Protein backbone atom coordinates (compact mmCIF):
# COMPACT_ATOMS: atom_id res chain seq x y z
CA UNK A 1 -152.88 -177.52 85.72
CA UNK A 2 -150.31 -174.78 85.24
CA UNK A 3 -151.87 -171.42 86.20
CA UNK A 4 -150.37 -168.24 84.82
CA UNK A 5 -152.10 -166.15 87.53
CA UNK A 6 -150.68 -168.24 90.39
CA UNK A 7 -148.33 -166.54 92.88
CA UNK A 8 -145.93 -169.41 92.16
CA UNK A 9 -143.73 -169.08 89.09
CA UNK A 10 -144.27 -171.40 86.16
CA UNK A 11 -140.87 -172.95 86.89
CA UNK A 12 -141.88 -173.76 90.49
CA UNK A 13 -145.27 -175.16 89.44
CA UNK A 14 -143.55 -177.46 86.94
CA UNK A 15 -141.13 -178.63 89.65
CA UNK A 16 -143.99 -179.45 92.03
CA UNK A 17 -145.94 -181.30 89.34
CA UNK A 18 -142.80 -182.95 87.96
CA UNK A 19 -143.56 -181.61 84.49
CA UNK A 20 -140.94 -180.58 81.96
CA UNK A 21 -141.47 -176.94 80.95
CA UNK A 22 -140.64 -177.84 77.35
CA UNK A 23 -143.86 -179.87 77.28
CA UNK A 24 -146.05 -176.85 77.95
CA UNK A 25 -148.07 -175.49 75.05
CA UNK A 26 -147.03 -171.89 74.38
CA UNK A 27 -149.83 -169.30 74.61
CA UNK A 28 -151.15 -168.07 71.26
CA UNK A 29 -149.54 -164.92 69.95
CA UNK A 30 -151.64 -161.79 70.53
CA UNK A 31 -152.86 -159.85 67.50
CA UNK A 32 -151.80 -156.26 68.17
CA UNK A 33 -152.50 -152.93 66.49
CA UNK A 34 -148.99 -153.12 65.05
CA UNK A 35 -149.83 -156.55 63.57
CA UNK A 36 -152.98 -155.10 61.98
CA UNK A 37 -151.03 -152.27 60.35
CA UNK A 38 -148.39 -154.72 59.17
CA UNK A 39 -151.06 -156.97 57.66
CA UNK A 40 -152.33 -154.02 55.63
CA UNK A 41 -148.86 -153.45 54.16
CA UNK A 42 -148.30 -157.16 53.51
CA UNK A 43 -151.64 -157.34 51.71
CA UNK A 44 -150.73 -154.37 49.49
CA UNK A 45 -147.33 -155.86 48.64
CA UNK A 46 -148.91 -159.24 47.85
CA UNK A 47 -151.46 -157.64 45.50
CA UNK A 48 -148.69 -155.85 43.61
CA UNK A 49 -146.25 -158.78 43.56
CA UNK A 50 -147.97 -162.12 44.33
CA UNK A 51 -144.73 -164.03 43.68
CA UNK A 52 -143.03 -162.45 46.73
CA UNK A 53 -142.58 -164.75 49.71
CA UNK A 54 -141.98 -163.86 53.36
CA UNK A 55 -138.28 -163.08 52.85
CA UNK A 56 -138.90 -160.75 49.92
CA UNK A 57 -141.78 -159.02 51.72
CA UNK A 58 -139.52 -158.55 54.76
CA UNK A 59 -136.92 -156.90 52.51
CA UNK A 60 -139.52 -154.62 50.87
CA UNK A 61 -140.84 -153.55 54.28
CA UNK A 62 -137.30 -152.82 55.42
CA UNK A 63 -136.20 -150.93 52.30
CA UNK A 64 -139.32 -148.99 51.30
CA UNK A 65 -141.24 -148.61 54.59
CA UNK A 66 -138.44 -148.52 57.16
CA UNK A 67 -139.98 -151.41 59.12
CA UNK A 68 -137.62 -153.87 60.79
CA UNK A 69 -139.38 -157.19 61.41
CA UNK A 70 -138.52 -160.85 61.27
CA UNK A 71 -139.44 -163.42 58.65
CA UNK A 72 -141.19 -165.63 61.25
CA UNK A 73 -143.61 -162.84 62.10
CA UNK A 74 -144.42 -162.24 58.44
CA UNK A 75 -145.01 -165.98 57.91
CA UNK A 76 -147.42 -166.02 60.88
CA UNK A 77 -149.39 -163.04 59.58
CA UNK A 78 -149.52 -164.40 56.01
CA UNK A 79 -151.03 -167.64 57.36
CA UNK A 80 -153.65 -165.62 59.25
CA UNK A 81 -154.45 -163.73 56.04
CA UNK A 82 -154.57 -166.94 53.98
CA UNK A 83 -152.09 -165.70 51.39
CA UNK A 84 -148.92 -167.29 50.06
CA UNK A 85 -146.38 -166.69 47.33
CA UNK A 86 -147.29 -167.83 43.82
CA UNK A 87 -144.72 -170.27 42.51
CA UNK A 88 -144.48 -173.74 41.05
CA UNK A 89 -144.44 -176.35 43.81
CA UNK A 90 -143.14 -179.91 43.38
CA UNK A 91 -145.61 -182.76 42.67
CA UNK A 92 -148.56 -180.40 42.41
CA UNK A 93 -150.73 -182.85 40.48
CA UNK A 94 -151.11 -185.28 43.39
CA UNK A 95 -154.42 -184.91 45.29
CA UNK A 96 -154.69 -185.19 49.07
CA UNK A 97 -155.06 -188.64 50.59
CA UNK A 98 -158.50 -190.00 51.39
CA UNK A 99 -161.99 -188.99 50.27
CA UNK A 100 -162.46 -186.06 52.64
CA UNK A 101 -160.52 -183.67 50.40
CA UNK A 102 -160.47 -184.12 46.63
CA UNK A 103 -158.90 -182.02 43.86
CA UNK A 104 -160.59 -181.65 40.46
CA UNK A 105 -159.10 -180.75 37.06
CA UNK A 106 -159.36 -177.29 35.53
CA UNK A 107 -162.29 -177.17 33.07
CA UNK A 108 -162.21 -173.59 31.75
CA UNK A 109 -159.22 -173.72 29.42
CA UNK A 110 -161.51 -173.40 26.38
CA UNK A 111 -163.27 -170.31 27.75
CA UNK A 112 -166.90 -169.44 28.46
CA UNK A 113 -169.36 -167.69 26.13
CA UNK A 114 -172.65 -167.23 28.02
CA UNK A 115 -173.95 -166.30 31.50
CA UNK A 116 -174.30 -169.10 34.09
CA UNK A 117 -172.14 -171.44 32.04
CA UNK A 118 -169.47 -171.12 34.72
CA UNK A 119 -169.15 -169.41 38.09
CA UNK A 120 -166.07 -168.89 40.22
CA UNK A 121 -165.38 -168.14 43.88
CA UNK A 122 -162.48 -167.08 46.05
CA UNK A 123 -161.72 -165.89 49.59
CA UNK A 124 -159.77 -162.80 50.60
CA UNK A 125 -158.68 -161.09 53.83
CA UNK A 126 -159.81 -157.66 55.07
CA UNK A 127 -158.52 -155.91 58.18
CA UNK A 128 -161.22 -154.82 60.66
CA UNK A 129 -160.32 -152.84 63.77
CA UNK A 130 -157.87 -154.89 65.80
CA UNK A 131 -158.71 -158.10 63.96
CA UNK A 132 -159.57 -159.28 60.49
CA UNK A 133 -162.42 -160.79 58.46
CA UNK A 134 -162.70 -163.12 55.51
CA UNK A 135 -164.76 -162.32 52.41
CA UNK A 136 -165.97 -164.87 49.88
CA UNK A 137 -167.55 -163.85 46.58
CA UNK A 138 -169.31 -165.83 43.85
CA UNK A 139 -168.90 -164.39 40.34
CA UNK A 140 -170.36 -165.25 36.95
CA UNK A 141 -167.35 -165.96 34.73
CA UNK A 142 -168.75 -164.59 31.47
CA UNK A 143 -170.22 -161.25 32.64
CA UNK A 144 -168.11 -160.63 35.81
CA UNK A 145 -171.32 -160.19 37.82
CA UNK A 146 -170.90 -160.72 41.57
CA UNK A 147 -173.90 -162.91 42.34
CA UNK A 148 -173.33 -163.10 46.10
CA UNK A 149 -170.81 -162.45 48.85
CA UNK A 150 -170.47 -163.29 52.54
CA UNK A 151 -168.33 -162.13 55.45
CA UNK A 152 -167.03 -164.29 58.29
CA UNK A 153 -164.56 -163.98 61.16
CA UNK A 154 -163.66 -167.66 60.82
CA UNK A 155 -162.20 -169.41 57.81
CA UNK A 156 -164.61 -172.33 57.43
CA UNK A 157 -166.77 -173.91 54.73
CA UNK A 158 -170.13 -172.77 56.11
CA UNK A 159 -170.02 -169.16 54.86
CA UNK A 160 -168.86 -170.38 51.43
CA UNK A 161 -171.92 -172.63 51.22
CA UNK A 162 -174.16 -169.71 52.22
CA UNK A 163 -172.67 -167.62 49.42
CA UNK A 164 -173.29 -170.39 46.87
CA UNK A 165 -176.93 -170.83 47.95
CA UNK A 166 -177.50 -167.06 47.79
CA UNK A 167 -176.01 -167.00 44.28
CA UNK A 168 -178.38 -169.77 43.18
CA UNK A 169 -181.32 -167.75 44.53
CA UNK A 170 -180.11 -164.63 42.71
CA UNK A 171 -179.58 -166.42 39.39
CA UNK A 172 -182.59 -168.74 39.67
CA UNK A 173 -180.40 -171.71 38.74
CA UNK A 174 -177.00 -173.29 39.33
CA UNK A 175 -174.13 -173.05 36.81
CA UNK A 176 -172.84 -175.89 34.68
CA UNK A 177 -169.28 -175.47 36.05
CA UNK A 178 -167.97 -173.94 39.28
CA UNK A 179 -164.27 -173.02 39.50
CA UNK A 180 -162.28 -172.39 42.70
CA UNK A 181 -158.76 -172.73 44.02
CA UNK A 182 -157.61 -175.79 45.97
CA UNK A 183 -158.34 -174.32 49.41
CA UNK A 184 -159.59 -176.74 52.03
CA UNK A 185 -163.03 -175.05 52.05
CA UNK A 186 -163.51 -176.00 48.38
CA UNK A 187 -162.02 -179.50 48.51
CA UNK A 188 -164.13 -180.49 51.53
CA UNK A 189 -166.88 -183.09 51.32
CA UNK A 190 -169.55 -180.58 52.41
CA UNK A 191 -168.72 -178.24 49.49
CA UNK A 192 -168.52 -181.04 46.93
CA UNK A 193 -171.76 -182.67 48.05
CA UNK A 194 -173.65 -179.36 47.93
CA UNK A 195 -172.53 -178.46 44.41
CA UNK A 196 -172.93 -181.97 43.01
CA UNK A 197 -176.48 -182.10 44.41
CA UNK A 198 -177.22 -179.13 42.10
CA UNK A 199 -175.71 -180.93 39.13
CA UNK A 200 -172.61 -178.70 39.04
CA UNK A 201 -169.28 -179.89 37.64
CA UNK A 202 -166.35 -178.87 39.83
CA UNK A 203 -163.24 -177.21 38.41
CA UNK A 204 -160.11 -176.13 40.29
CA UNK A 205 -157.06 -173.98 39.57
CA UNK A 206 -153.66 -175.59 39.39
CA UNK A 207 -151.48 -174.83 42.42
CA UNK A 208 -149.72 -171.52 41.96
CA UNK A 209 -151.90 -170.78 38.89
CA UNK A 210 -153.62 -167.56 39.98
CA UNK A 211 -154.27 -166.81 36.30
CA UNK A 212 -156.72 -169.75 36.19
CA UNK A 213 -159.10 -167.65 38.30
CA UNK A 214 -157.91 -164.28 37.04
CA UNK A 215 -161.29 -162.51 36.92
CA UNK A 216 -162.00 -162.83 40.63
CA UNK A 217 -158.38 -162.00 41.44
CA UNK A 218 -158.92 -158.79 39.45
CA UNK A 219 -162.10 -158.18 41.47
CA UNK A 220 -160.12 -158.27 44.73
CA UNK A 221 -157.64 -155.75 43.35
CA UNK A 222 -160.42 -153.34 42.36
CA UNK A 223 -162.26 -153.77 45.66
CA UNK A 224 -159.21 -153.14 47.82
CA UNK A 225 -157.80 -150.18 45.93
CA UNK A 226 -161.19 -148.51 45.32
CA UNK A 227 -162.80 -149.19 48.71
CA UNK A 228 -160.97 -151.15 51.41
CA UNK A 229 -157.66 -149.28 51.48
CA UNK A 230 -159.46 -145.93 51.60
CA UNK A 231 -161.28 -146.68 54.85
CA UNK A 232 -160.66 -147.83 58.40
CA UNK A 233 -163.38 -150.28 59.46
CA UNK A 234 -164.18 -150.44 63.17
CA UNK A 235 -166.28 -153.63 63.07
CA UNK A 236 -167.94 -156.17 60.78
CA UNK A 237 -171.18 -154.17 60.55
CA UNK A 238 -169.38 -151.12 59.18
CA UNK A 239 -167.44 -153.31 56.74
CA UNK A 240 -170.62 -155.04 55.59
CA UNK A 241 -172.37 -151.73 54.85
CA UNK A 242 -169.36 -150.50 52.91
CA UNK A 243 -169.07 -153.69 50.85
CA UNK A 244 -172.80 -153.74 50.09
CA UNK A 245 -172.57 -150.25 48.63
CA UNK A 246 -169.46 -151.06 46.61
CA UNK A 247 -170.76 -154.33 45.15
CA UNK A 248 -174.05 -152.69 44.12
CA UNK A 249 -172.13 -149.97 42.28
CA UNK A 250 -169.78 -152.57 40.77
CA UNK A 251 -172.68 -154.62 39.35
CA UNK A 252 -175.06 -151.92 38.15
CA UNK A 253 -173.26 -148.57 37.84
CA UNK A 254 -169.48 -148.90 37.31
CA UNK A 255 -168.57 -149.27 33.57
CA UNK A 256 -166.08 -152.04 32.74
CA UNK A 257 -163.47 -151.57 30.05
CA UNK A 258 -163.36 -155.33 29.35
CA UNK A 259 -167.16 -155.25 28.81
CA UNK A 260 -166.97 -152.38 26.28
CA UNK A 261 -168.13 -149.81 28.81
CA UNK A 262 -171.14 -151.79 30.02
CA UNK A 263 -171.84 -152.97 33.55
CA UNK A 264 -171.89 -156.66 34.52
CA UNK A 265 -175.63 -156.49 35.16
CA UNK A 266 -176.18 -155.07 31.64
CA UNK A 267 -174.93 -158.35 30.22
CA UNK A 268 -176.14 -160.74 32.89
CA UNK A 269 -179.74 -159.48 33.14
CA UNK A 270 -180.28 -157.11 30.19
CA UNK A 271 -184.08 -157.39 30.42
CA UNK A 272 -184.05 -156.06 34.00
CA UNK A 273 -181.78 -153.15 33.09
CA UNK A 274 -184.06 -152.19 30.19
CA UNK A 275 -187.09 -152.33 32.49
CA UNK A 276 -185.32 -150.12 35.07
CA UNK A 277 -184.36 -147.62 32.36
C-alpha cells in the first residue's frame, strides 16, 4: 500500500492511511561492492582465527586494514556468509523441538580405517561478482577424496541432496556413516530421509566443535588459499569452471603430506590409477 515511488512522502502516505510508520517493514539492505570486499576480508580472518566474533573481527579490520565499520554490519555479513565464531555455547546437547529438525550424536570418535566407511560434508561461502555463492562438498573421510560438490546461490537443502546423490553415483555405493555439522540443511527431514533410505547412519559435530569435521575444514582452507583468493570470479559459470579444475587436481594430481605423498584417488581407487598409469 505504501509506494516508495509515489510523489507523496512516506510520512504523508502513512497519515492518509492512518498507519504508524514504525509498523512498516524496512527494505532489505543492499549488497554493495564494498560489502563484497568486506566479506572477503571477514572470510580470511575467520579462516585464520575461527574463534573471533564480530567485535574481534571489527577490531582486526580497524587495526590491520584501516577499515572503520560497525559491529552490526559485520554481524549481517557473517550471517549472509553462514559463518560464526567457534566457542562453547550453553546447553548445546539439547536438540531442536519437534521432528522436523533432529540432531544426532557424533560417531567418528574411534576413527575410520577404510574408504566409504564414513563420508562428511560441509558448506562454505565464496564471493562472486557483486554477490556470493554457496559450495557444498562430500568427502570420503579415510582418503580425503572429494566425491562430489555443488554450487548454489541459495542456502537450501536441495543442492546438498544433489551432492550426496552424485557422490553415491561416483562411489557406486553409500557410506556406512555420514558426518555433518548441525546446520539446518543437515538436520532437516528431507536430508535425514534421503540418507536413511540408503541405510546410512547419521553423525553430527558437537556445536562449536569444528575439529569433529577437521578434514573438510582443512579442505576449505586449501581451496580458498590455493584457488579462490587468487581470482576474481565474475559469475557462477566462471567459478564452476575454476572449481572443477581445482578439485580434479586435488583428487588426482596434488600430493598430500598426510597421505605420505599420495593423492586421494591413489588410495580411494588404486585400481583405476594403476590402469591409467
